[in-house]
Amino acid sequence: MDLKDIQNLIKFVAKSGASEVKLETEDVKITIKTGSDDKQETTTYVQQIPVGAPVAQPAAPAPAPAAQPAAAEITTATTTAEDSKYITIKSPIIGTLYRKPSPDKPVFVEVGQTIKEGDVLCIIEAMKLFNEIESEVSGKIVKVLVDDSSPVEFDQPLFLVDPS
């Protein structure tokens, strides 16, 4: 089975409305799962089995964990003398940052808002999982360093917090 056949199979399954299809031949195992939402999200697993190797049942892929609150890494900012008294909250993962829980809701935190430990500051989407980023400090938001719906890197500064 070549790549073109696999792509055609994925398109066929997506159009058919089936929620899951498994195909197994002598040298290839394919599982195609489609999401039930409007976007028709498709997940495909392809496993090549070497010719002549014993066929072992692979462990089922672990289900994606529910969105767990990710602890934001905190370090003291040393960029300028003015910012040195503030704590920088950095991104614990790579992904897309969202400042709102949904497009029609208000932002989690704004400049000047007082936060406490455990408050949700934003959401970072990574691989279709939405991870709530919680504060590990109490204080006042001094500056938001990232725009809504923008990509963020690991360890990228997100917020400046005045702990006093």
C-alpha atoms as a PDB file:
ATOM      1  CA  MET A   1       0.000   0.000   0.000  1.00  0.00           C
ATOM      2  CA  ASP A   2       1.547   3.282  -1.056  1.00  0.00           C
ATOM      3  CA  LEU A   3       1.065   6.823   0.254  1.00  0.00           C
ATOM      4  CA  LYS A   4      -1.471   7.725  -2.445  1.00  0.00           C
ATOM      5  CA  ASP A   5      -3.652   4.743  -1.489  1.00  0.00           C
ATOM      6  CA  ILE A   6      -3.519   5.771   2.177  1.00  0.00           C
ATOM      7  CA  GLN A   7      -4.455   9.378   1.341  1.00  0.00           C
ATOM      8  CA  ASN A   8      -7.393   8.199  -0.791  1.00  0.00           C
ATOM      9  CA  LEU A   9      -8.536   5.915   2.043  1.00  0.00           C
ATOM     10  CA  ILE A  10      -8.413   8.817   4.533  1.00  0.00           C
ATOM     11  CA  LYS A  11     -10.473  11.024   2.205  1.00  0.00           C
ATOM     12  CA  PHE A  12     -13.005   8.231   1.636  1.00  0.00           C
ATOM     13  CA  VAL A  13     -13.421   7.578   5.360  1.00  0.00           C
ATOM     14  CA  ALA A  14     -13.798  11.304   6.109  1.00  0.00           C
ATOM     15  CA  LYS A  15     -16.547  11.628   3.492  1.00  0.00           C
ATOM     16  CA  SER A  16     -18.340   8.435   4.546  1.00  0.00           C
ATOM     17  CA  GLY A  17     -19.084   9.682   8.055  1.00  0.00           C
ATOM     18  CA  ALA A  18     -17.645   6.570   9.717  1.00  0.00           C
ATOM     19  CA  SER A  19     -16.178   7.254  13.149  1.00  0.00           C
ATOM     20  CA  GLU A  20     -13.398   4.658  12.968  1.00  0.00           C
ATOM     21  CA  VAL A  21     -11.925   2.314  10.346  1.00  0.00           C
ATOM     22  CA  LYS A  22      -9.198  -0.289  10.864  1.00  0.00           C
ATOM     23  CA  LEU A  23      -7.370  -1.902   7.948  1.00  0.00           C
ATOM     24  CA  GLU A  24      -4.808  -4.647   8.364  1.00  0.00           C
ATOM     25  CA  THR A  25      -2.736  -6.250   5.616  1.00  0.00           C
ATOM     26  CA  GLU A  26       0.365  -8.438   5.794  1.00  0.00           C
ATOM     27  CA  ASP A  27       2.731  -5.484   6.117  1.00  0.00           C
ATOM     28  CA  VAL A  28       0.587  -2.477   7.139  1.00  0.00           C
ATOM     29  CA  LYS A  29      -1.903  -1.687   9.894  1.00  0.00           C
ATOM     30  CA  ILE A  30      -3.968   1.493   9.571  1.00  0.00           C
ATOM     31  CA  THR A  31      -6.482   2.960  12.031  1.00  0.00           C
ATOM     32  CA  ILE A  32      -8.414   6.050  10.963  1.00  0.00           C
ATOM     33  CA  LYS A  33     -10.583   7.871  13.499  1.00  0.00           C
ATOM     34  CA  THR A  34     -12.699  10.879  12.593  1.00  0.00           C
ATOM     35  CA  GLY A  35     -13.973  13.448  15.079  1.00  0.00           C
ATOM     36  CA  SER A  36     -17.690  13.982  15.526  1.00  0.00           C
ATOM     37  CA  ASP A  37     -17.528  17.795  15.468  1.00  0.00           C
ATOM     38  CA  ASP A  38     -18.132  20.081  12.504  1.00  0.00           C
ATOM     39  CA  LYS A  39     -14.454  20.224  11.590  1.00  0.00           C
ATOM     40  CA  GLN A  40     -14.253  16.476  10.803  1.00  0.00           C
ATOM     41  CA  GLU A  41     -10.968  16.128  12.643  1.00  0.00           C
ATOM     42  CA  THR A  42      -9.088  13.032  11.425  1.00  0.00           C
ATOM     43  CA  THR A  43      -6.498  10.994  13.288  1.00  0.00           C
ATOM     44  CA  THR A  44      -4.537   8.358  11.389  1.00  0.00           C
ATOM     45  CA  TYR A  45      -2.159   5.731  12.759  1.00  0.00           C
ATOM     46  CA  VAL A  46      -0.002   3.826  10.264  1.00  0.00           C
ATOM     47  CA  GLN A  47       2.303   1.037  11.347  1.00  0.00           C
ATOM     48  CA  GLN A  48       4.721  -0.663   8.990  1.00  0.00           C
ATOM     49  CA  ILE A  49       5.521  -4.247   9.912  1.00  0.00           C
ATOM     50  CA  PRO A  50       8.888  -5.472   8.601  1.00  0.00           C
ATOM     51  CA  VAL A  51       8.557  -8.383   6.192  1.00  0.00           C
ATOM     52  CA  GLY A  52       9.501 -11.642   7.884  1.00  0.00           C
ATOM     53  CA  ALA A  53       9.157 -10.218  11.393  1.00  0.00           C
ATOM     54  CA  PRO A  54       6.680 -11.809  13.780  1.00  0.00           C
ATOM     55  CA  VAL A  55       3.442  -9.866  13.957  1.00  0.00           C
ATOM     56  CA  ALA A  56       2.980  -8.539  17.482  1.00  0.00           C
ATOM     57  CA  GLN A  57      -0.077  -6.638  18.596  1.00  0.00           C
ATOM     58  CA  PRO A  58       1.017  -3.060  19.310  1.00  0.00           C
ATOM     59  CA  ALA A  59      -0.221  -1.390  22.440  1.00  0.00           C
ATOM     60  CA  ALA A  60      -3.147   0.858  21.689  1.00  0.00           C
ATOM     61  CA  PRO A  61      -2.131   4.499  21.583  1.00  0.00           C
ATOM     62  CA  ALA A  62      -2.771   6.072  24.950  1.00  0.00           C
ATOM     63  CA  PRO A  63      -5.771   8.369  24.899  1.00  0.00           C
ATOM     64  CA  ALA A  64      -4.865  12.008  25.013  1.00  0.00           C
ATOM     65  CA  PRO A  65      -4.970  13.208  28.607  1.00  0.00           C
ATOM     66  CA  ALA A  66      -7.595  15.724  29.574  1.00  0.00           C
ATOM     67  CA  ALA A  67      -6.422  19.293  29.692  1.00  0.00           C
ATOM     68  CA  GLN A  68      -4.368  19.408  32.849  1.00  0.00           C
ATOM     69  CA  PRO A  69      -3.449  22.688  34.446  1.00  0.00           C
ATOM     70  CA  ALA A  70       0.162  23.310  33.512  1.00  0.00           C
ATOM     71  CA  ALA A  71       2.333  25.012  36.068  1.00  0.00           C
ATOM     72  CA  ALA A  72       3.827  28.146  34.591  1.00  0.00           C
ATOM     73  CA  GLU A  73       7.544  28.521  35.152  1.00  0.00           C
ATOM     74  CA  ILE A  74       8.431  31.576  37.168  1.00  0.00           C
ATOM     75  CA  THR A  75      11.707  33.455  37.169  1.00  0.00           C
ATOM     76  CA  THR A  76      12.740  36.945  38.145  1.00  0.00           C
ATOM     77  CA  ALA A  77      12.962  39.282  35.161  1.00  0.00           C
ATOM     78  CA  THR A  78      16.302  41.021  34.725  1.00  0.00           C
ATOM     79  CA  THR A  79      15.753  42.808  31.415  1.00  0.00           C
ATOM     80  CA  THR A  80      15.672  46.360  32.781  1.00  0.00           C
ATOM     81  CA  ALA A  81      16.177  47.983  36.162  1.00  0.00           C
ATOM     82  CA  GLU A  82      12.473  48.877  36.258  1.00  0.00           C
ATOM     83  CA  ASP A  83      11.372  45.310  35.479  1.00  0.00           C
ATOM     84  CA  SER A  84      13.795  43.733  37.970  1.00  0.00           C
ATOM     85  CA  LYS A  85      11.273  43.947  40.806  1.00  0.00           C
ATOM     86  CA  TYR A  86       8.699  41.970  38.794  1.00  0.00           C
ATOM     87  CA  ILE A  87       8.278  38.230  38.388  1.00  0.00           C
ATOM     88  CA  THR A  88       8.085  36.866  34.853  1.00  0.00           C
ATOM     89  CA  ILE A  89       5.629  34.051  34.167  1.00  0.00           C
ATOM     90  CA  LYS A  90       6.924  31.974  31.256  1.00  0.00           C
ATOM     91  CA  SER A  91       5.304  29.449  28.955  1.00  0.00           C
ATOM     92  CA  PRO A  92       5.766  25.859  30.135  1.00  0.00           C
ATOM     93  CA  ILE A  93       5.015  24.461  26.642  1.00  0.00           C
ATOM     94  CA  ILE A  94       5.020  25.282  22.926  1.00  0.00           C
ATOM     95  CA  GLY A  95       1.646  26.089  21.416  1.00  0.00           C
ATOM     96  CA  THR A  96      -0.918  28.773  20.663  1.00  0.00           C
ATOM     97  CA  LEU A  97      -1.792  31.118  23.522  1.00  0.00           C
ATOM     98  CA  TYR A  98      -5.395  32.164  24.080  1.00  0.00           C
ATOM     99  CA  ARG A  99      -6.201  34.863  26.627  1.00  0.00           C
ATOM    100  CA  LYS A 100      -9.941  33.974  26.623  1.00  0.00           C
ATOM    101  CA  PRO A 101     -11.714  30.685  27.402  1.00  0.00           C
ATOM    102  CA  SER A 102     -13.727  31.153  24.174  1.00  0.00           C
ATOM    103  CA  PRO A 103     -14.070  33.943  21.584  1.00  0.00           C
ATOM    104  CA  ASP A 104     -17.240  35.374  23.154  1.00  0.00           C
ATOM    105  CA  LYS A 105     -15.897  35.399  26.749  1.00  0.00           C
ATOM    106  CA  PRO A 106     -13.758  38.039  28.499  1.00  0.00           C
ATOM    107  CA  VAL A 107     -10.002  37.577  28.951  1.00  0.00           C
ATOM    108  CA  PHE A 108      -8.772  35.597  31.958  1.00  0.00           C
ATOM    109  CA  VAL A 109      -6.567  38.416  33.310  1.00  0.00           C
ATOM    110  CA  GLU A 110      -5.969  42.065  32.428  1.00  0.00           C
ATOM    111  CA  VAL A 111      -3.244  44.563  33.278  1.00  0.00           C
ATOM    112  CA  GLY A 112      -3.817  45.911  36.797  1.00  0.00           C
ATOM    113  CA  GLN A 113      -5.792  42.864  37.925  1.00  0.00           C
ATOM    114  CA  THR A 114      -4.786  41.207  41.205  1.00  0.00           C
ATOM    115  CA  ILE A 115      -4.204  37.462  40.925  1.00  0.00           C
ATOM    116  CA  LYS A 116      -3.583  34.751  43.472  1.00  0.00           C
ATOM    117  CA  GLU A 117      -1.827  31.428  43.311  1.00  0.00           C
ATOM    118  CA  GLY A 118      -3.837  28.935  41.226  1.00  0.00           C
ATOM    119  CA  ASP A 119      -5.713  31.523  39.115  1.00  0.00           C
ATOM    120  CA  VAL A 120      -5.919  30.647  35.413  1.00  0.00           C
ATOM    121  CA  LEU A 121      -3.941  33.213  33.409  1.00  0.00           C
ATOM    122  CA  CYS A 122      -4.431  31.871  29.881  1.00  0.00           C
ATOM    123  CA  ILE A 123      -4.802  28.692  27.821  1.00  0.00           C
ATOM    124  CA  ILE A 124      -2.114  27.223  25.589  1.00  0.00           C
ATOM    125  CA  GLU A 125      -3.260  24.854  22.869  1.00  0.00           C
ATOM    126  CA  ALA A 126      -0.730  22.163  22.015  1.00  0.00           C
ATOM    127  CA  MET A 127      -1.609  19.305  19.682  1.00  0.00           C
ATOM    128  CA  LYS A 128      -5.374  19.886  19.990  1.00  0.00           C
ATOM    129  CA  LEU A 129      -5.164  19.898  23.809  1.00  0.00           C
ATOM    130  CA  PHE A 130      -6.052  23.035  25.720  1.00  0.00           C
ATOM    131  CA  ASN A 131      -3.806  23.472  28.760  1.00  0.00           C
ATOM    132  CA  GLU A 132      -4.812  25.968  31.438  1.00  0.00           C
ATOM    133  CA  ILE A 133      -1.802  27.954  32.623  1.00  0.00           C
ATOM    134  CA  GLU A 134      -2.166  28.715  36.320  1.00  0.00           C
ATOM    135  CA  SER A 135      -0.299  31.293  38.368  1.00  0.00           C
ATOM    136  CA  GLU A 136       2.170  30.056  40.935  1.00  0.00           C
ATOM    137  CA  VAL A 137       2.426  33.509  42.561  1.00  0.00           C
ATOM    138  CA  SER A 138       0.092  36.106  43.969  1.00  0.00           C
ATOM    139  CA  GLY A 139       0.357  39.695  42.855  1.00  0.00           C
ATOM    140  CA  LYS A 140      -0.767  42.243  40.309  1.00  0.00           C
ATOM    141  CA  ILE A 141      -0.496  41.854  36.516  1.00  0.00           C
ATOM    142  CA  VAL A 142       1.829  44.627  35.330  1.00  0.00           C
ATOM    143  CA  LYS A 143       2.250  43.699  31.688  1.00  0.00           C
ATOM    144  CA  VAL A 144       0.874  41.148  29.194  1.00  0.00           C
ATOM    145  CA  LEU A 145       3.742  40.242  26.873  1.00  0.00           C
ATOM    146  CA  VAL A 146       1.872  38.081  24.311  1.00  0.00           C
ATOM    147  CA  ASP A 147      -1.138  38.824  22.100  1.00  0.00           C
ATOM    148  CA  ASP A 148      -4.231  36.607  22.007  1.00  0.00           C
ATOM    149  CA  SER A 149      -4.157  33.697  19.510  1.00  0.00           C
ATOM    150  CA  SER A 150      -0.423  33.992  18.950  1.00  0.00           C
ATOM    151  CA  PRO A 151       2.142  31.163  18.910  1.00  0.00           C
ATOM    152  CA  VAL A 152       4.419  30.847  21.938  1.00  0.00           C
ATOM    153  CA  GLU A 153       7.669  28.987  22.499  1.00  0.00           C
ATOM    154  CA  PHE A 154       8.817  27.049  25.545  1.00  0.00           C
ATOM    155  CA  ASP A 155      10.153  29.411  28.226  1.00  0.00           C
ATOM    156  CA  GLN A 156       8.811  32.514  26.428  1.00  0.00           C
ATOM    157  CA  PRO A 157       7.810  35.305  28.850  1.00  0.00           C
ATOM    158  CA  LEU A 158       4.013  35.722  28.993  1.00  0.00           C
ATOM    159  CA  PHE A 159       3.216  38.032  31.931  1.00  0.00           C
ATOM    160  CA  LEU A 160       4.997  40.374  34.332  1.00  0.00           C
ATOM    161  CA  VAL A 161       3.637  40.221  37.894  1.00  0.00           C
ATOM    162  CA  ASP A 162       4.320  42.609  40.767  1.00  0.00           C
ATOM    163  CA  PRO A 163       4.419  40.356  43.852  1.00  0.00           C
ATOM    164  CA  SER A 164       4.168  43.241  46.350  1.00  0.00           C
END
